[in-house]
PDB file of N, CA and C in Angstrom:
ATOM      1  N   MET A   1       0.847  -1.182   0.000  1.00  0.00           N
ATOM      2  CA  MET A   1       0.000   0.000   0.000  1.00  0.00           C
ATOM      3  C   MET A   1       0.892   1.244   0.000  1.00  0.00           C
ATOM      4  N   ARG A   2       0.582   2.168  -0.863  1.00  0.00           N
ATOM      5  CA  ARG A   2       1.387   3.391  -0.943  1.00  0.00           C
ATOM      6  C   ARG A   2       1.099   4.309   0.238  1.00  0.00           C
ATOM      7  N   GLU A   3       2.009   5.245   0.485  1.00  0.00           N
ATOM      8  CA  GLU A   3       1.806   6.190   1.578  1.00  0.00           C
ATOM      9  C   GLU A   3       0.611   7.091   1.307  1.00  0.00           C
ATOM     10  N   ILE A   4      -0.080   7.408   2.381  1.00  0.00           N
ATOM     11  CA  ILE A   4      -1.240   8.289   2.311  1.00  0.00           C
ATOM     12  C   ILE A   4      -0.868   9.586   3.004  1.00  0.00           C
ATOM     13  N   GLU A   5      -1.025  10.679   2.288  1.00  0.00           N
ATOM     14  CA  GLU A   5      -0.708  11.988   2.837  1.00  0.00           C
ATOM     15  C   GLU A   5      -1.911  12.531   3.598  1.00  0.00           C
ATOM     16  N   VAL A   6      -1.691  12.817   4.877  1.00  0.00           N
ATOM     17  CA  VAL A   6      -2.729  13.383   5.731  1.00  0.00           C
ATOM     18  C   VAL A   6      -2.296  14.795   6.104  1.00  0.00           C
ATOM     19  N   VAL A   7      -3.176  15.753   5.887  1.00  0.00           N
ATOM     20  CA  VAL A   7      -2.919  17.128   6.284  1.00  0.00           C
ATOM     21  C   VAL A   7      -3.992  17.539   7.276  1.00  0.00           C
ATOM     22  N   LEU A   8      -3.532  18.081   8.407  1.00  0.00           N
ATOM     23  CA  LEU A   8      -4.440  18.569   9.432  1.00  0.00           C
ATOM     24  C   LEU A   8      -4.361  20.087   9.482  1.00  0.00           C
ATOM     25  N   LEU A   9      -5.494  20.717   9.452  1.00  0.00           N
ATOM     26  CA  LEU A   9      -5.607  22.153   9.646  1.00  0.00           C
ATOM     27  C   LEU A   9      -5.880  22.325  11.135  1.00  0.00           C
ATOM     28  N   THR A  10      -4.888  22.812  11.904  1.00  0.00           N
ATOM     29  CA  THR A  10      -4.969  22.779  13.365  1.00  0.00           C
ATOM     30  C   THR A  10      -4.892  24.163  14.005  1.00  0.00           C
ATOM     31  N   ALA A  11      -5.370  24.216  15.237  1.00  0.00           N
ATOM     32  CA  ALA A  11      -5.298  25.428  16.053  1.00  0.00           C
ATOM     33  C   ALA A  11      -4.672  25.074  17.398  1.00  0.00           C
ATOM     34  N   GLU A  12      -4.121  26.089  18.054  1.00  0.00           N
ATOM     35  CA  GLU A  12      -3.541  25.878  19.378  1.00  0.00           C
ATOM     36  C   GLU A  12      -4.647  25.594  20.386  1.00  0.00           C
ATOM     37  N   ALA A  13      -4.325  24.808  21.395  1.00  0.00           N
ATOM     38  CA  ALA A  13      -5.241  24.475  22.483  1.00  0.00           C
ATOM     39  C   ALA A  13      -6.576  23.926  21.965  1.00  0.00           C
ATOM     40  N   CYS A  14      -6.507  23.098  20.935  1.00  0.00           N
ATOM     41  CA  CYS A  14      -7.705  22.525  20.305  1.00  0.00           C
ATOM     42  C   CYS A  14      -7.791  21.051  20.699  1.00  0.00           C
ATOM     43  N   HIS A  15      -8.792  20.689  21.511  1.00  0.00           N
ATOM     44  CA  HIS A  15      -8.883  19.301  21.971  1.00  0.00           C
ATOM     45  C   HIS A  15      -9.265  18.351  20.834  1.00  0.00           C
ATOM     46  N   PHE A  16     -10.022  18.813  19.830  1.00  0.00           N
ATOM     47  CA  PHE A  16     -10.300  17.965  18.677  1.00  0.00           C
ATOM     48  C   PHE A  16      -9.031  17.716  17.861  1.00  0.00           C
ATOM     49  N   CYS A  17      -8.140  18.708  17.813  1.00  0.00           N
ATOM     50  CA  CYS A  17      -6.867  18.545  17.099  1.00  0.00           C
ATOM     51  C   CYS A  17      -6.006  17.498  17.805  1.00  0.00           C
ATOM     52  N   THR A  18      -5.958  17.577  19.135  1.00  0.00           N
ATOM     53  CA  THR A  18      -5.198  16.597  19.919  1.00  0.00           C
ATOM     54  C   THR A  18      -5.761  15.198  19.692  1.00  0.00           C
ATOM     55  N   HIS A  19      -7.071  15.082  19.701  1.00  0.00           N
ATOM     56  CA  HIS A  19      -7.720  13.786  19.459  1.00  0.00           C
ATOM     57  C   HIS A  19      -7.361  13.254  18.070  1.00  0.00           C
ATOM     58  N   ALA A  20      -7.417  14.117  17.041  1.00  0.00           N
ATOM     59  CA  ALA A  20      -7.097  13.688  15.671  1.00  0.00           C
ATOM     60  C   ALA A  20      -5.660  13.182  15.592  1.00  0.00           C
ATOM     61  N   LYS A  21      -4.739  13.864  16.248  1.00  0.00           N
ATOM     62  CA  LYS A  21      -3.332  13.436  16.230  1.00  0.00           C
ATOM     63  C   LYS A  21      -3.170  12.080  16.909  1.00  0.00           C
ATOM     64  N   GLN A  22      -3.912  11.836  17.992  1.00  0.00           N
ATOM     65  CA  GLN A  22      -3.852  10.545  18.676  1.00  0.00           C
ATOM     66  C   GLN A  22      -4.402   9.432  17.791  1.00  0.00           C
ATOM     67  N   VAL A  23      -5.518   9.682  17.137  1.00  0.00           N
ATOM     68  CA  VAL A  23      -6.105   8.697  16.224  1.00  0.00           C
ATOM     69  C   VAL A  23      -5.125   8.385  15.099  1.00  0.00           C
ATOM     70  N   LEU A  24      -4.560   9.408  14.508  1.00  0.00           N
ATOM     71  CA  LEU A  24      -3.626   9.204  13.394  1.00  0.00           C
ATOM     72  C   LEU A  24      -2.374   8.467  13.841  1.00  0.00           C
ATOM     73  N   SER A  25      -1.905   8.752  15.041  1.00  0.00           N
ATOM     74  CA  SER A  25      -0.733   8.048  15.571  1.00  0.00           C
ATOM     75  C   SER A  25      -1.027   6.556  15.715  1.00  0.00           C
ATOM     76  N   ARG A  26      -2.210   6.218  16.227  1.00  0.00           N
ATOM     77  CA  ARG A  26      -2.586   4.792  16.364  1.00  0.00           C
ATOM     78  C   ARG A  26      -2.688   4.125  14.994  1.00  0.00           C
ATOM     79  N   LEU A  27      -3.354   4.797  14.061  1.00  0.00           N
ATOM     80  CA  LEU A  27      -3.563   4.192  12.747  1.00  0.00           C
ATOM     81  C   LEU A  27      -2.269   4.111  11.938  1.00  0.00           C
ATOM     82  N   ALA A  28      -1.320   4.987  12.230  1.00  0.00           N
ATOM     83  CA  ALA A  28      -0.035   4.957  11.520  1.00  0.00           C
ATOM     84  C   ALA A  28       0.752   3.690  11.838  1.00  0.00           C
ATOM     85  N   GLU A  29       0.369   2.980  12.901  1.00  0.00           N
ATOM     86  CA  GLU A  29       1.018   1.711  13.219  1.00  0.00           C
ATOM     87  C   GLU A  29       0.582   0.614  12.245  1.00  0.00           C
ATOM     88  N   ARG A  30      -0.584   0.796  11.603  1.00  0.00           N
ATOM     89  CA  ARG A  30      -1.116  -0.205  10.682  1.00  0.00           C
ATOM     90  C   ARG A  30      -1.153   0.247   9.229  1.00  0.00           C
ATOM     91  N   TYR A  31      -1.145   1.543   9.019  1.00  0.00           N
ATOM     92  CA  TYR A  31      -1.251   2.097   7.666  1.00  0.00           C
ATOM     93  C   TYR A  31      -0.107   3.086   7.432  1.00  0.00           C
ATOM     94  N   PRO A  32       0.379   3.175   6.199  1.00  0.00           N
ATOM     95  CA  PRO A  32       1.491   4.084   5.895  1.00  0.00           C
ATOM     96  C   PRO A  32       1.010   5.537   5.743  1.00  0.00           C
ATOM     97  N   LEU A  33       0.931   6.249   6.868  1.00  0.00           N
ATOM     98  CA  LEU A  33       0.452   7.625   6.869  1.00  0.00           C
ATOM     99  C   LEU A  33       1.611   8.602   7.019  1.00  0.00           C
ATOM    100  N   THR A  34       1.567   9.673   6.268  1.00  0.00           N
ATOM    101  CA  THR A  34       2.475  10.797   6.438  1.00  0.00           C
ATOM    102  C   THR A  34       1.614  11.977   6.835  1.00  0.00           C
ATOM    103  N   VAL A  35       1.832  12.484   8.051  1.00  0.00           N
ATOM    104  CA  VAL A  35       0.970  13.529   8.596  1.00  0.00           C
ATOM    105  C   VAL A  35       1.724  14.851   8.661  1.00  0.00           C
ATOM    106  N   SER A  36       1.064  15.908   8.180  1.00  0.00           N
ATOM    107  CA  SER A  36       1.610  17.256   8.315  1.00  0.00           C
ATOM    108  C   SER A  36       0.498  18.168   8.812  1.00  0.00           C
ATOM    109  N   GLU A  37       0.891  19.322   9.324  1.00  0.00           N
ATOM    110  CA  GLU A  37      -0.078  20.265   9.882  1.00  0.00           C
ATOM    111  C   GLU A  37       0.040  21.622   9.212  1.00  0.00           C
ATOM    112  N   ILE A  38      -1.092  22.286   9.098  1.00  0.00           N
ATOM    113  CA  ILE A  38      -1.153  23.664   8.633  1.00  0.00           C
ATOM    114  C   ILE A  38      -1.866  24.449   9.726  1.00  0.00           C
ATOM    115  N   PRO A  39      -1.265  25.533  10.210  1.00  0.00           N
ATOM    116  CA  PRO A  39      -1.924  26.329  11.249  1.00  0.00           C
ATOM    117  C   PRO A  39      -3.218  26.971  10.739  1.00  0.00           C
ATOM    118  N   TRP A  40      -4.240  26.898  11.561  1.00  0.00           N
ATOM    119  CA  TRP A  40      -5.551  27.476  11.270  1.00  0.00           C
ATOM    120  C   TRP A  40      -5.432  28.965  10.934  1.00  0.00           C
ATOM    121  N   THR A  41      -4.525  29.656  11.616  1.00  0.00           N
ATOM    122  CA  THR A  41      -4.405  31.107  11.472  1.00  0.00           C
ATOM    123  C   THR A  41      -3.483  31.538  10.333  1.00  0.00           C
ATOM    124  N   SER A  42      -2.848  30.590   9.656  1.00  0.00           N
ATOM    125  CA  SER A  42      -1.963  30.947   8.540  1.00  0.00           C
ATOM    126  C   SER A  42      -2.796  31.339   7.325  1.00  0.00           C
ATOM    127  N   ASP A  43      -2.162  31.999   6.363  1.00  0.00           N
ATOM    128  CA  ASP A  43      -2.870  32.369   5.136  1.00  0.00           C
ATOM    129  C   ASP A  43      -3.458  31.139   4.452  1.00  0.00           C
ATOM    130  N   GLU A  44      -2.637  30.086   4.346  1.00  0.00           N
ATOM    131  CA  GLU A  44      -3.119  28.858   3.714  1.00  0.00           C
ATOM    132  C   GLU A  44      -4.250  28.226   4.523  1.00  0.00           C
ATOM    133  N   GLY A  45      -4.122  28.235   5.842  1.00  0.00           N
ATOM    134  CA  GLY A  45      -5.156  27.674   6.705  1.00  0.00           C
ATOM    135  C   GLY A  45      -6.479  28.401   6.549  1.00  0.00           C
ATOM    136  N   ARG A  46      -6.441  29.720   6.552  1.00  0.00           N
ATOM    137  CA  ARG A  46      -7.675  30.501   6.376  1.00  0.00           C
ATOM    138  C   ARG A  46      -8.289  30.257   5.004  1.00  0.00           C
ATOM    139  N   ARG A  47      -7.429  30.158   3.987  1.00  0.00           N
ATOM    140  CA  ARG A  47      -7.920  29.918   2.625  1.00  0.00           C
ATOM    141  C   ARG A  47      -8.621  28.560   2.532  1.00  0.00           C
ATOM    142  N   LEU A  48      -8.003  27.524   3.084  1.00  0.00           N
ATOM    143  CA  LEU A  48      -8.605  26.184   3.057  1.00  0.00           C
ATOM    144  C   LEU A  48      -9.912  26.145   3.851  1.00  0.00           C
ATOM    145  N   ALA A  49      -9.926  26.764   5.025  1.00  0.00           N
ATOM    146  CA  ALA A  49     -11.135  26.767   5.857  1.00  0.00           C
ATOM    147  C   ALA A  49     -12.289  27.447   5.129  1.00  0.00           C
ATOM    148  N   GLU A  50     -11.996  28.551   4.487  1.00  0.00           N
ATOM    149  CA  GLU A  50     -13.053  29.260   3.757  1.00  0.00           C
ATOM    150  C   GLU A  50     -13.513  28.461   2.544  1.00  0.00           C
ATOM    151  N   ARG A  51     -12.553  27.945   1.780  1.00  0.00           N
ATOM    152  CA  ARG A  51     -12.885  27.195   0.562  1.00  0.00           C
ATOM    153  C   ARG A  51     -13.734  25.965   0.843  1.00  0.00           C
ATOM    154  N   ASP A  52     -13.401  25.236   1.932  1.00  0.00           N
ATOM    155  CA  ASP A  52     -14.053  23.962   2.202  1.00  0.00           C
ATOM    156  C   ASP A  52     -15.128  24.037   3.295  1.00  0.00           C
ATOM    157  N   GLY A  53     -15.433  25.243   3.748  1.00  0.00           N
ATOM    158  CA  GLY A  53     -16.502  25.406   4.731  1.00  0.00           C
ATOM    159  C   GLY A  53     -16.189  24.800   6.081  1.00  0.00           C
ATOM    160  N   ILE A  54     -14.940  24.870   6.497  1.00  0.00           N
ATOM    161  CA  ILE A  54     -14.537  24.298   7.782  1.00  0.00           C
ATOM    162  C   ILE A  54     -14.891  25.296   8.887  1.00  0.00           C
ATOM    163  N   ALA A  55     -15.862  24.927   9.715  1.00  0.00           N
ATOM    164  CA  ALA A  55     -16.357  25.836  10.749  1.00  0.00           C
ATOM    165  C   ALA A  55     -15.415  25.915  11.957  1.00  0.00           C
ATOM    166  N   PHE A  56     -14.728  24.807  12.250  1.00  0.00           N
ATOM    167  CA  PHE A  56     -13.782  24.785  13.373  1.00  0.00           C
ATOM    168  C   PHE A  56     -12.780  23.661  13.133  1.00  0.00           C
ATOM    169  N   PRO A  57     -11.593  23.771  13.755  1.00  0.00           N
ATOM    170  CA  PRO A  57     -10.550  22.782  13.530  1.00  0.00           C
ATOM    171  C   PRO A  57     -10.821  21.468  14.269  1.00  0.00           C
ATOM    172  N   PRO A  58     -10.134  20.421  13.862  1.00  0.00           N
ATOM    173  CA  PRO A  58      -9.204  20.389  12.746  1.00  0.00           C
ATOM    174  C   PRO A  58      -9.923  20.127  11.426  1.00  0.00           C
ATOM    175  N   GLY A  59      -9.330  20.605  10.372  1.00  0.00           N
ATOM    176  CA  GLY A  59      -9.729  20.203   9.031  1.00  0.00           C
ATOM    177  C   GLY A  59      -8.862  19.018   8.661  1.00  0.00           C
ATOM    178  N   ILE A  60      -9.421  18.024   8.027  1.00  0.00           N
ATOM    179  CA  ILE A  60      -8.674  16.809   7.697  1.00  0.00           C
ATOM    180  C   ILE A  60      -8.724  16.587   6.186  1.00  0.00           C
ATOM    181  N   TYR A  61      -7.537  16.428   5.604  1.00  0.00           N
ATOM    182  CA  TYR A  61      -7.397  16.166   4.172  1.00  0.00           C
ATOM    183  C   TYR A  61      -6.635  14.861   3.993  1.00  0.00           C
ATOM    184  N   LEU A  62      -7.119  14.022   3.097  1.00  0.00           N
ATOM    185  CA  LEU A  62      -6.467  12.752   2.791  1.00  0.00           C
ATOM    186  C   LEU A  62      -6.106  12.751   1.316  1.00  0.00           C
ATOM    187  N   ASP A  63      -4.814  12.606   1.057  1.00  0.00           N
ATOM    188  CA  ASP A  63      -4.310  12.621  -0.325  1.00  0.00           C
ATOM    189  C   ASP A  63      -4.833  13.822  -1.111  1.00  0.00           C
ATOM    190  N   GLY A  64      -4.859  14.977  -0.459  1.00  0.00           N
ATOM    191  CA  GLY A  64      -5.241  16.220  -1.124  1.00  0.00           C
ATOM    192  C   GLY A  64      -6.727  16.492  -1.201  1.00  0.00           C
ATOM    193  N   SER A  65      -7.557  15.554  -0.744  1.00  0.00           N
ATOM    194  CA  SER A  65      -9.007  15.741  -0.791  1.00  0.00           C
ATOM    195  C   SER A  65      -9.553  15.994   0.606  1.00  0.00           C
ATOM    196  N   PHE A  66     -10.501  16.894   0.699  1.00  0.00           N
ATOM    197  CA  PHE A  66     -11.132  17.209   1.976  1.00  0.00           C
ATOM    198  C   PHE A  66     -11.871  15.984   2.500  1.00  0.00           C
ATOM    199  N   PHE A  67     -11.612  15.617   3.761  1.00  0.00           N
ATOM    200  CA  PHE A  67     -12.238  14.449   4.389  1.00  0.00           C
ATOM    201  C   PHE A  67     -13.294  14.864   5.416  1.00  0.00           C
ATOM    202  N   GLY A  68     -13.036  15.934   6.136  1.00  0.00           N
ATOM    203  CA  GLY A  68     -13.982  16.380   7.147  1.00  0.00           C
ATOM    204  C   GLY A  68     -13.332  17.353   8.104  1.00  0.00           C
ATOM    205  N   TYR A  69     -14.099  17.752   9.114  1.00  0.00           N
ATOM    206  CA  TYR A  69     -13.549  18.632  10.142  1.00  0.00           C
ATOM    207  C   TYR A  69     -14.187  18.305  11.480  1.00  0.00           C
ATOM    208  N   GLY A  70     -13.566  18.827  12.525  1.00  0.00           N
ATOM    209  CA  GLY A  70     -14.055  18.565  13.876  1.00  0.00           C
ATOM    210  C   GLY A  70     -13.523  17.243  14.395  1.00  0.00           C
ATOM    211  N   ARG A  71     -14.275  16.628  15.279  1.00  0.00           N
ATOM    212  CA  ARG A  71     -13.823  15.376  15.913  1.00  0.00           C
ATOM    213  C   ARG A  71     -13.699  14.279  14.854  1.00  0.00           C
ATOM    214  N   LEU A  72     -12.484  13.775  14.710  1.00  0.00           N
ATOM    215  CA  LEU A  72     -12.197  12.744  13.712  1.00  0.00           C
ATOM    216  C   LEU A  72     -12.761  11.403  14.169  1.00  0.00           C
ATOM    217  N   SER A  73     -13.565  10.792  13.314  1.00  0.00           N
ATOM    218  CA  SER A  73     -14.114   9.462  13.588  1.00  0.00           C
ATOM    219  C   SER A  73     -13.081   8.415  13.176  1.00  0.00           C
ATOM    220  N   GLU A  74     -12.566   7.689  14.161  1.00  0.00           N
ATOM    221  CA  GLU A  74     -11.573   6.657  13.870  1.00  0.00           C
ATOM    222  C   GLU A  74     -12.174   5.578  12.977  1.00  0.00           C
ATOM    223  N   GLY A  75     -13.420   5.210  13.219  1.00  0.00           N
ATOM    224  CA  GLY A  75     -14.078   4.188  12.408  1.00  0.00           C
ATOM    225  C   GLY A  75     -14.239   4.618  10.958  1.00  0.00           C
ATOM    226  N   LYS A  76     -14.665   5.840  10.741  1.00  0.00           N
ATOM    227  CA  LYS A  76     -14.831   6.362   9.378  1.00  0.00           C
ATOM    228  C   LYS A  76     -13.488   6.402   8.649  1.00  0.00           C
ATOM    229  N   LEU A  77     -12.452   6.819   9.361  1.00  0.00           N
ATOM    230  CA  LEU A  77     -11.128   6.871   8.738  1.00  0.00           C
ATOM    231  C   LEU A  77     -10.609   5.462   8.452  1.00  0.00           C
ATOM    232  N   GLN A  78     -10.808   4.535   9.366  1.00  0.00           N
ATOM    233  CA  GLN A  78     -10.374   3.151   9.125  1.00  0.00           C
ATOM    234  C   GLN A  78     -11.080   2.573   7.898  1.00  0.00           C
ATOM    235  N   LYS A  79     -12.354   2.837   7.766  1.00  0.00           N
ATOM    236  CA  LYS A  79     -13.098   2.352   6.598  1.00  0.00           C
ATOM    237  C   LYS A  79     -12.487   2.924   5.321  1.00  0.00           C
ATOM    238  N   TRP A  80     -12.191   4.206   5.314  1.00  0.00           N
ATOM    239  CA  TRP A  80     -11.585   4.859   4.158  1.00  0.00           C
ATOM    240  C   TRP A  80     -10.245   4.201   3.835  1.00  0.00           C
ATOM    241  N   LEU A  81      -9.435   3.950   4.867  1.00  0.00           N
ATOM    242  CA  LEU A  81      -8.117   3.345   4.657  1.00  0.00           C
ATOM    243  C   LEU A  81      -8.239   1.903   4.157  1.00  0.00           C
ATOM    244  N   ARG A  82      -9.172   1.132   4.689  1.00  0.00           N
ATOM    245  CA  ARG A  82      -9.370  -0.246   4.224  1.00  0.00           C
ATOM    246  C   ARG A  82      -9.781  -0.269   2.751  1.00  0.00           C
ATOM    247  N   GLU A  83     -10.652   0.650   2.356  1.00  0.00           N
ATOM    248  CA  GLU A  83     -11.080   0.709   0.967  1.00  0.00           C
ATOM    249  C   GLU A  83      -9.914   1.043   0.043  1.00  0.00           C
ATOM    250  N   ARG A  84      -8.978   1.851   0.498  1.00  0.00           N
ATOM    251  CA  ARG A  84      -7.806   2.206  -0.318  1.00  0.00           C
ATOM    252  C   ARG A  84      -6.838   1.043  -0.419  1.00  0.00           C
ATOM    253  N   ARG A  85      -6.840   0.196   0.614  1.00  0.00           N
ATOM    254  CA  ARG A  85      -5.928  -0.953   0.641  1.00  0.00           C
ATOM    255  C   ARG A  85      -6.361  -2.019  -0.348  1.00  0.00           C
ATOM    256  N   ALA A  86      -7.670  -2.133  -0.567  1.00  0.00           N
ATOM    257  CA  ALA A  86      -8.224  -3.198  -1.439  1.00  0.00           C
ATOM    258  C   ALA A  86      -7.813  -3.029  -2.888  1.00  0.00           C
TER     259      ALA A  86
END
């Protein structure tokens, strides 16, 4: 399975961001994930939030496509990863 690029649009002191990082850390033990972060307050972060209608962090992108925002569902992400593995 090829590496999957995960981009998180994050903010400081964001408990949903912390949760997303924990979920991704667990899943990275089973799936080849490369995770990077973009600050919510950066020019790029504001542009992405506006473009994709992200009301609050984190914004989650998988392989360049918008996946969702807010509390990351580990089950939903696992399903997405399993489908990519097939």
